[in-house]
């Protein structure tokens, strides 16, 4: 029996639900906006 399942960007286990590491890393790699226009 599987102890974890990846579903909709999350890893589900009997104990917890966590975002997938590769998704979190991708978000952390995005450059921070420096101007108001970049926020749009």
PDB file of N, CA and C in Angstrom:
ATOM      1  N   UNK A   1       0.837  -1.176   0.000  1.00  0.00           N
ATOM      2  CA  UNK A   1       0.000   0.000   0.000  1.00  0.00           C
ATOM      3  C   UNK A   1       0.888   1.248   0.000  1.00  0.00           C
ATOM      4  N   UNK A   2       0.472   2.266  -0.752  1.00  0.00           N
ATOM      5  CA  UNK A   2       1.244   3.509  -0.829  1.00  0.00           C
ATOM      6  C   UNK A   2       1.063   4.332   0.443  1.00  0.00           C
ATOM      7  N   UNK A   3       2.152   4.962   0.857  1.00  0.00           N
ATOM      8  CA  UNK A   3       2.093   5.823   2.031  1.00  0.00           C
ATOM      9  C   UNK A   3       1.908   7.290   1.681  1.00  0.00           C
ATOM     10  N   UNK A   4       2.093   7.620   0.395  1.00  0.00           N
ATOM     11  CA  UNK A   4       1.894   9.006  -0.015  1.00  0.00           C
ATOM     12  C   UNK A   4       1.370   9.072  -1.437  1.00  0.00           C
ATOM     13  N   UNK A   5       0.655  10.168  -1.719  1.00  0.00           N
ATOM     14  CA  UNK A   5       0.083  10.386  -3.042  1.00  0.00           C
ATOM     15  C   UNK A   5       0.315  11.848  -3.412  1.00  0.00           C
ATOM     16  N   UNK A   6       0.730  12.102  -4.653  1.00  0.00           N
ATOM     17  CA  UNK A   6       0.854  13.461  -5.163  1.00  0.00           C
ATOM     18  C   UNK A   6      -0.440  13.804  -5.883  1.00  0.00           C
ATOM     19  N   UNK A   7      -1.064  14.929  -5.477  1.00  0.00           N
ATOM     20  CA  UNK A   7      -2.356  15.310  -6.037  1.00  0.00           C
ATOM     21  C   UNK A   7      -2.483  16.829  -6.048  1.00  0.00           C
ATOM     22  N   UNK A   8      -2.719  17.396  -7.226  1.00  0.00           N
ATOM     23  CA  UNK A   8      -2.948  18.830  -7.401  1.00  0.00           C
ATOM     24  C   UNK A   8      -1.866  19.690  -6.748  1.00  0.00           C
ATOM     25  N   UNK A   9      -0.612  19.288  -6.900  1.00  0.00           N
ATOM     26  CA  UNK A   9       0.499  20.085  -6.385  1.00  0.00           C
ATOM     27  C   UNK A   9       0.818  19.850  -4.922  1.00  0.00           C
ATOM     28  N   UNK A  10       0.171  18.880  -4.304  1.00  0.00           N
ATOM     29  CA  UNK A  10       0.416  18.574  -2.900  1.00  0.00           C
ATOM     30  C   UNK A  10       0.796  17.110  -2.739  1.00  0.00           C
ATOM     31  N   UNK A  11       1.555  16.824  -1.688  1.00  0.00           N
ATOM     32  CA  UNK A  11       1.876  15.455  -1.321  1.00  0.00           C
ATOM     33  C   UNK A  11       1.037  15.121  -0.093  1.00  0.00           C
ATOM     34  N   UNK A  12       0.194  14.112  -0.228  1.00  0.00           N
ATOM     35  CA  UNK A  12      -0.698  13.700   0.850  1.00  0.00           C
ATOM     36  C   UNK A  12      -0.163  12.437   1.504  1.00  0.00           C
ATOM     37  N   UNK A  13      -0.029  12.465   2.821  1.00  0.00           N
ATOM     38  CA  UNK A  13       0.363  11.289   3.589  1.00  0.00           C
ATOM     39  C   UNK A  13      -0.669  11.100   4.697  1.00  0.00           C
ATOM     40  N   UNK A  14      -0.660   9.973   5.368  1.00  0.00           N
ATOM     41  CA  UNK A  14      -1.614   9.792   6.470  1.00  0.00           C
ATOM     42  C   UNK A  14      -1.443  10.828   7.588  1.00  0.00           C
ATOM     43  N   UNK A  15      -0.244  11.379   7.732  1.00  0.00           N
ATOM     44  CA  UNK A  15       0.032  12.311   8.819  1.00  0.00           C
ATOM     45  C   UNK A  15      -0.154  13.778   8.443  1.00  0.00           C
ATOM     46  N   UNK A  16       0.079  14.132   7.149  1.00  0.00           N
ATOM     47  CA  UNK A  16       0.088  15.544   6.789  1.00  0.00           C
ATOM     48  C   UNK A  16      -0.156  15.769   5.305  1.00  0.00           C
ATOM     49  N   UNK A  17      -0.373  17.037   4.975  1.00  0.00           N
ATOM     50  CA  UNK A  17      -0.491  17.490   3.589  1.00  0.00           C
ATOM     51  C   UNK A  17       0.554  18.581   3.401  1.00  0.00           C
ATOM     52  N   UNK A  18       1.438  18.410   2.402  1.00  0.00           N
ATOM     53  CA  UNK A  18       2.493  19.384   2.144  1.00  0.00           C
ATOM     54  C   UNK A  18       2.512  19.741   0.668  1.00  0.00           C
ATOM     55  N   UNK A  19       2.898  20.991   0.352  1.00  0.00           N
ATOM     56  CA  UNK A  19       3.077  21.329  -1.060  1.00  0.00           C
ATOM     57  C   UNK A  19       4.261  20.558  -1.619  1.00  0.00           C
ATOM     58  N   UNK A  20       4.208  20.229  -2.904  1.00  0.00           N
ATOM     59  CA  UNK A  20       5.317  19.500  -3.526  1.00  0.00           C
ATOM     60  C   UNK A  20       6.555  20.382  -3.544  1.00  0.00           C
ATOM     61  N   UNK A  21       7.698  19.797  -3.220  1.00  0.00           N
ATOM     62  CA  UNK A  21       8.953  20.547  -3.124  1.00  0.00           C
ATOM     63  C   UNK A  21       9.317  21.240  -4.430  1.00  0.00           C
ATOM     64  N   UNK A  22       9.107  20.588  -5.562  1.00  0.00           N
ATOM     65  CA  UNK A  22       9.472  21.208  -6.838  1.00  0.00           C
ATOM     66  C   UNK A  22       8.613  22.434  -7.118  1.00  0.00           C
ATOM     67  N   UNK A  23       7.373  22.447  -6.661  1.00  0.00           N
ATOM     68  CA  UNK A  23       6.500  23.609  -6.846  1.00  0.00           C
ATOM     69  C   UNK A  23       6.963  24.776  -5.977  1.00  0.00           C
ATOM     70  N   UNK A  24       7.336  24.485  -4.742  1.00  0.00           N
ATOM     71  CA  UNK A  24       7.822  25.521  -3.831  1.00  0.00           C
ATOM     72  C   UNK A  24       9.122  26.115  -4.361  1.00  0.00           C
ATOM     73  N   UNK A  25      10.025  25.273  -4.831  1.00  0.00           N
ATOM     74  CA  UNK A  25      11.301  25.745  -5.371  1.00  0.00           C
ATOM     75  C   UNK A  25      11.082  26.639  -6.588  1.00  0.00           C
ATOM     76  N   UNK A  26      10.140  26.293  -7.441  1.00  0.00           N
ATOM     77  CA  UNK A  26       9.858  27.104  -8.627  1.00  0.00           C
ATOM     78  C   UNK A  26       9.361  28.492  -8.231  1.00  0.00           C
ATOM     79  N   UNK A  27       8.515  28.571  -7.226  1.00  0.00           N
ATOM     80  CA  UNK A  27       8.006  29.864  -6.763  1.00  0.00           C
ATOM     81  C   UNK A  27       9.134  30.692  -6.155  1.00  0.00           C
ATOM     82  N   UNK A  28      10.026  30.051  -5.419  1.00  0.00           N
ATOM     83  CA  UNK A  28      11.137  30.767  -4.798  1.00  0.00           C
ATOM     84  C   UNK A  28      12.116  31.310  -5.829  1.00  0.00           C
ATOM     85  N   UNK A  29      12.158  30.744  -7.015  1.00  0.00           N
ATOM     86  CA  UNK A  29      13.075  31.180  -8.061  1.00  0.00           C
ATOM     87  C   UNK A  29      12.569  32.404  -8.828  1.00  0.00           C
ATOM     88  N   UNK A  30      11.301  32.755  -8.666  1.00  0.00           N
ATOM     89  CA  UNK A  30      10.736  33.903  -9.376  1.00  0.00           C
ATOM     90  C   UNK A  30      11.371  35.180  -8.837  1.00  0.00           C
ATOM     91  N   UNK A  31      11.770  36.060  -9.747  1.00  0.00           N
ATOM     92  CA  UNK A  31      12.397  37.323  -9.347  1.00  0.00           C
ATOM     93  C   UNK A  31      11.384  38.222  -8.634  1.00  0.00           C
ATOM     94  N   UNK A  32      11.850  38.911  -7.611  1.00  0.00           N
ATOM     95  CA  UNK A  32      11.001  39.819  -6.853  1.00  0.00           C
ATOM     96  C   UNK A  32      10.749  41.085  -7.678  1.00  0.00           C
ATOM     97  N   UNK A  33       9.499  41.561  -7.740  1.00  0.00           N
ATOM     98  CA  UNK A  33       9.219  42.771  -8.513  1.00  0.00           C
ATOM     99  C   UNK A  33       9.912  43.981  -7.889  1.00  0.00           C
ATOM    100  N   UNK A  34      10.411  44.866  -8.734  1.00  0.00           N
ATOM    101  CA  UNK A  34      11.118  46.053  -8.252  1.00  0.00           C
ATOM    102  C   UNK A  34      10.344  47.340  -8.536  1.00  0.00           C
ATOM    103  N   UNK A  35       9.373  47.277  -9.444  1.00  0.00           N
ATOM    104  CA  UNK A  35       8.585  48.453  -9.810  1.00  0.00           C
ATOM    105  C   UNK A  35       7.102  48.119  -9.692  1.00  0.00           C
ATOM    106  N   UNK A  36       6.281  49.139  -9.500  1.00  0.00           N
ATOM    107  CA  UNK A  36       4.834  48.931  -9.405  1.00  0.00           C
ATOM    108  C   UNK A  36       4.289  48.271 -10.661  1.00  0.00           C
ATOM    109  N   UNK A  37       4.815  48.665 -11.810  1.00  0.00           N
ATOM    110  CA  UNK A  37       4.330  48.136 -13.087  1.00  0.00           C
ATOM    111  C   UNK A  37       4.531  46.619 -13.173  1.00  0.00           C
ATOM    112  N   UNK A  38       5.577  46.094 -12.561  1.00  0.00           N
ATOM    113  CA  UNK A  38       5.854  44.651 -12.608  1.00  0.00           C
ATOM    114  C   UNK A  38       4.835  43.843 -11.808  1.00  0.00           C
ATOM    115  N   UNK A  39       4.086  44.496 -10.942  1.00  0.00           N
ATOM    116  CA  UNK A  39       3.070  43.810 -10.145  1.00  0.00           C
ATOM    117  C   UNK A  39       1.803  43.533 -10.938  1.00  0.00           C
ATOM    118  N   UNK A  40       1.626  44.206 -12.041  1.00  0.00           N
ATOM    119  CA  UNK A  40       0.407  44.035 -12.836  1.00  0.00           C
ATOM    120  C   UNK A  40       0.471  42.837 -13.712  1.00  0.00           C
TER     121      UNK A  40
END
